[in-house]
Every structure is written in structure tokens, then in C-alpha cells.
Amino acid sequence: MKTACILGALASSALAAAPVLPRITPEELSKLQQGTPMIRLQTPAQGEAAVSRPDAQSIIKQSVVLNDGKSWTLIPKGAVIFLPQAMESRVNAKPVGTLLPWNDFLTRNRAWITTNDVSFDQAAGKEALPPERVAYWATQKKIVIATHRQGPISVRLAPVTPTTTLQ
């Protein structure tokens, strides 16, 4: 009996008609829209591009290609801070295979790539890289990539011999 009563009450409220709301007039709608910040945004004029990009800008032109023969990745120019002569063929070679994100490419190629974490001051050239690290790289047979927070970053280096760095 209680169940039937409860079900009847629920059914009657579900079947009840929606309340009748007064229609909004155009003047009231205009007043409501004036309070909305999105209405103040200007739309571009007809024929005007909303976003423009210079034609000369290209991520490929601003990057260095690293290639292992099966896959490749892009890093910013200036991120290669040490390049042994034996590894020159892997840098700026024609991309062959699959494009991989930086972290995946690095994981697959740890045998010939290593990273060196740098600060923003070091990347901007305001602070020199530690000389003992630079001397250590010369004993390695790996390409050294400058990183900041695990991502490659361009570094402005003081001029050194052209066979050891790639700008």
C-alpha cells in the first residue's frame, strides 16, 4: 500500500506539465547580453584573417633532425651541444622511418644520445656550462643534447671549434 502511494506520487509529479514561463522580449534579451563579457569581443572584419603566421616560419626550419635509420625526431636548433665526428651522419640527415616524440626517441637511442640539464641562464648564454662537463663529453662517443625539465632546449654557447658543436 505504501509502495503504491509512493509510486503514484512520483508518477503524478513526472507527468505534471512544465511551468509556463513568460516569453522574453527583445529588449530584455539585449539587457541580459550587455552583462555578458563575451559580447564585448570583437569579431574580425570580413576577409580579415583571425590568426596570421609569417610564411617563412616553419618548425622544420627551426629544428634539427635526429635520425637512427628507423625513426627520427625534431629538436630545436642549438640543442645539440656536443657532436662527435662519428655521429655527424645522425644529425640533420633526411628523415627516414617514423616520427617519434622526443622522449620515445631518446629512450630507444640511449646508446648514442645523452642529455645535459641546463638552467635558463645557461641556455641564454648568461652563465657558462661547467668546464668539467664539457671536458667529459669529449671522452664520450655520444651526442649531447641540452635539456630543461626533460625537454630539449636551445643553448647559446661561446664560440668553440666547429667540429664539436652544431648551432
Protein backbone atom coordinates (compact mmCIF):
# COMPACT_ATOMS: atom_id res chain seq x y z
CA MET A 1 0.00 0.00 0.00
CA LYS A 2 2.78 2.41 0.92
CA THR A 3 4.67 1.47 -2.21
CA ALA A 4 1.67 2.12 -4.43
CA CYS A 5 1.15 5.51 -2.81
CA ILE A 6 4.79 6.50 -3.31
CA LEU A 7 4.77 5.31 -6.93
CA GLY A 8 1.55 7.25 -7.55
CA ALA A 9 3.10 10.43 -6.13
CA LEU A 10 6.23 10.02 -8.27
CA ALA A 11 4.22 9.33 -11.41
CA SER A 12 1.98 12.33 -10.91
CA SER A 13 4.96 14.68 -10.47
CA ALA A 14 6.68 13.19 -13.54
CA LEU A 15 3.59 13.65 -15.66
CA ALA A 16 2.93 17.17 -14.45
CA ALA A 17 3.30 19.86 -17.08
CA ALA A 18 6.29 22.16 -17.04
CA PRO A 19 5.56 25.56 -15.54
CA VAL A 20 4.66 28.25 -18.00
CA LEU A 21 7.36 30.88 -18.20
CA PRO A 22 6.76 34.34 -19.60
CA ARG A 23 8.37 34.98 -23.01
CA ILE A 24 11.42 37.19 -23.02
CA THR A 25 11.20 40.35 -25.06
CA PRO A 26 13.98 41.54 -27.39
CA GLU A 27 14.69 44.47 -25.05
CA GLU A 28 15.11 42.14 -22.05
CA LEU A 29 17.39 39.85 -24.09
CA SER A 30 19.54 42.83 -25.10
CA LYS A 31 19.90 43.86 -21.43
CA LEU A 32 20.95 40.33 -20.45
CA GLN A 33 23.53 40.16 -23.24
CA GLN A 34 25.09 43.50 -22.22
CA GLY A 35 26.13 41.89 -18.93
CA THR A 36 27.94 39.05 -20.73
CA PRO A 37 31.69 39.72 -21.27
CA MET A 38 31.75 37.57 -24.44
CA ILE A 39 29.53 40.12 -26.23
CA ARG A 40 32.34 42.69 -25.96
CA LEU A 41 34.77 40.58 -28.02
CA GLN A 42 35.27 41.97 -31.47
CA THR A 43 34.87 39.71 -34.44
CA PRO A 44 37.36 40.06 -37.30
CA ALA A 45 36.22 42.05 -40.31
CA GLN A 46 35.09 40.08 -43.34
CA GLY A 47 38.08 38.83 -45.30
CA GLU A 48 40.49 39.55 -42.42
CA ALA A 49 42.33 36.51 -41.08
CA ALA A 50 41.80 35.91 -37.37
CA VAL A 51 45.31 34.45 -36.98
CA SER A 52 48.22 35.04 -39.28
CA ARG A 53 51.58 33.33 -39.45
CA PRO A 54 54.55 34.51 -41.48
CA ASP A 55 55.19 32.25 -44.46
CA ALA A 56 58.87 31.94 -43.59
CA GLN A 57 58.08 30.33 -40.22
CA SER A 58 58.46 26.57 -40.22
CA ILE A 59 59.05 24.14 -37.40
CA ILE A 60 61.33 22.12 -39.70
CA LYS A 61 63.47 25.19 -40.48
CA GLN A 62 63.80 25.94 -36.76
CA SER A 63 64.72 22.37 -35.85
CA VAL A 64 67.44 19.76 -36.13
CA VAL A 65 66.53 16.26 -37.29
CA LEU A 66 67.98 13.32 -35.36
CA ASN A 67 67.76 10.03 -37.25
CA ASP A 68 68.65 6.46 -36.31
CA GLY A 69 67.75 4.90 -39.67
CA LYS A 70 64.37 3.57 -38.49
CA SER A 71 62.88 6.60 -36.77
CA TRP A 72 63.51 10.30 -36.34
CA THR A 73 62.64 13.26 -34.14
CA LEU A 74 62.94 17.04 -34.12
CA ILE A 75 64.79 19.12 -31.56
CA PRO A 76 65.34 22.91 -31.56
CA LYS A 77 68.40 24.30 -33.34
CA GLY A 78 71.11 24.91 -30.77
CA ALA A 79 70.07 21.96 -28.58
CA VAL A 80 72.99 19.82 -29.79
CA ILE A 81 75.82 21.00 -27.54
CA PHE A 82 78.36 18.31 -28.38
CA LEU A 83 78.63 16.31 -31.59
CA PRO A 84 81.37 13.71 -32.05
CA GLN A 85 82.57 13.35 -35.65
CA ALA A 86 81.46 9.71 -35.71
CA MET A 87 77.85 10.80 -35.06
CA GLU A 88 77.57 13.59 -37.64
CA SER A 89 75.62 11.35 -40.03
CA ARG A 90 72.77 11.04 -37.50
CA VAL A 91 72.21 14.81 -37.27
CA ASN A 92 70.37 16.80 -39.95
CA ALA A 93 70.05 13.68 -42.09
CA LYS A 94 66.99 13.13 -44.26
CA PRO A 95 64.15 11.91 -42.03
CA VAL A 96 63.62 8.19 -42.61
CA GLY A 97 61.05 6.00 -40.91
CA THR A 98 58.64 7.02 -38.19
CA LEU A 99 58.49 10.41 -36.49
CA LEU A 100 58.71 9.84 -32.73
CA PRO A 101 58.19 12.21 -29.82
CA TRP A 102 61.46 13.31 -28.18
CA ASN A 103 61.11 11.11 -25.06
CA ASP A 104 60.38 7.96 -27.09
CA PHE A 105 63.28 8.64 -29.47
CA LEU A 106 65.64 9.26 -26.56
CA THR A 107 64.60 6.04 -24.82
CA ARG A 108 65.25 4.00 -27.97
CA ASN A 109 68.62 5.64 -28.66
CA ARG A 110 70.28 6.00 -25.24
CA ALA A 111 73.29 4.14 -26.64
CA TRP A 112 74.35 7.14 -28.73
CA ILE A 113 72.46 10.10 -27.19
CA THR A 114 72.87 11.62 -23.75
CA THR A 115 71.37 14.74 -22.22
CA ASN A 116 72.68 17.55 -20.06
CA ASP A 117 70.20 19.52 -17.96
CA VAL A 118 70.78 23.28 -18.24
CA SER A 119 69.31 26.30 -16.47
CA PHE A 120 67.62 29.18 -18.29
CA ASP A 121 70.69 31.35 -17.65
CA GLN A 122 72.91 28.72 -19.26
CA ALA A 123 70.53 28.41 -22.22
CA ALA A 124 70.54 32.20 -22.68
CA GLY A 125 74.35 32.28 -22.61
CA LYS A 126 74.45 34.37 -19.40
CA GLU A 127 76.10 31.54 -17.47
CA ALA A 128 78.75 29.19 -18.86
CA LEU A 129 78.36 25.45 -18.89
CA PRO A 130 80.63 23.75 -16.34
CA PRO A 131 84.05 23.19 -18.00
CA GLU A 132 84.44 19.77 -16.37
CA ARG A 133 81.19 18.61 -18.06
CA VAL A 134 82.38 19.90 -21.44
CA ALA A 135 85.71 18.10 -20.98
CA TYR A 136 83.87 14.90 -20.02
CA TRP A 137 81.77 14.97 -23.21
CA ALA A 138 84.95 14.86 -25.30
CA THR A 139 85.75 11.46 -23.76
CA GLN A 140 82.33 10.10 -24.75
CA LYS A 141 81.18 8.91 -28.14
CA LYS A 142 77.64 10.24 -27.68
CA ILE A 143 75.74 13.25 -28.95
CA VAL A 144 74.92 15.60 -26.04
CA ILE A 145 71.56 17.34 -26.12
CA ALA A 146 70.78 20.28 -23.81
CA THR A 147 67.55 19.78 -21.89
CA HIS A 148 65.47 21.72 -19.42
CA ARG A 149 62.80 19.82 -17.48
CA GLN A 150 63.44 16.77 -19.68
CA GLY A 151 62.74 18.61 -22.95
CA PRO A 152 65.36 19.76 -25.48
CA ILE A 153 66.21 23.47 -25.35
CA SER A 154 68.36 25.76 -27.49
CA VAL A 155 71.59 26.95 -25.89
CA ARG A 156 73.76 29.90 -26.84
CA LEU A 157 77.33 28.78 -26.48
CA ALA A 158 80.57 30.71 -26.59
CA PRO A 159 82.38 30.04 -29.89
CA VAL A 160 84.34 26.79 -29.92
CA THR A 161 85.72 24.57 -32.65
CA PRO A 162 83.11 23.90 -35.36
CA THR A 163 83.67 20.11 -35.33
CA THR A 164 82.40 19.76 -31.75
CA THR A 165 79.20 21.81 -31.81
CA LEU A 166 76.25 22.32 -34.07
CA GLN A 167 74.42 25.64 -33.91
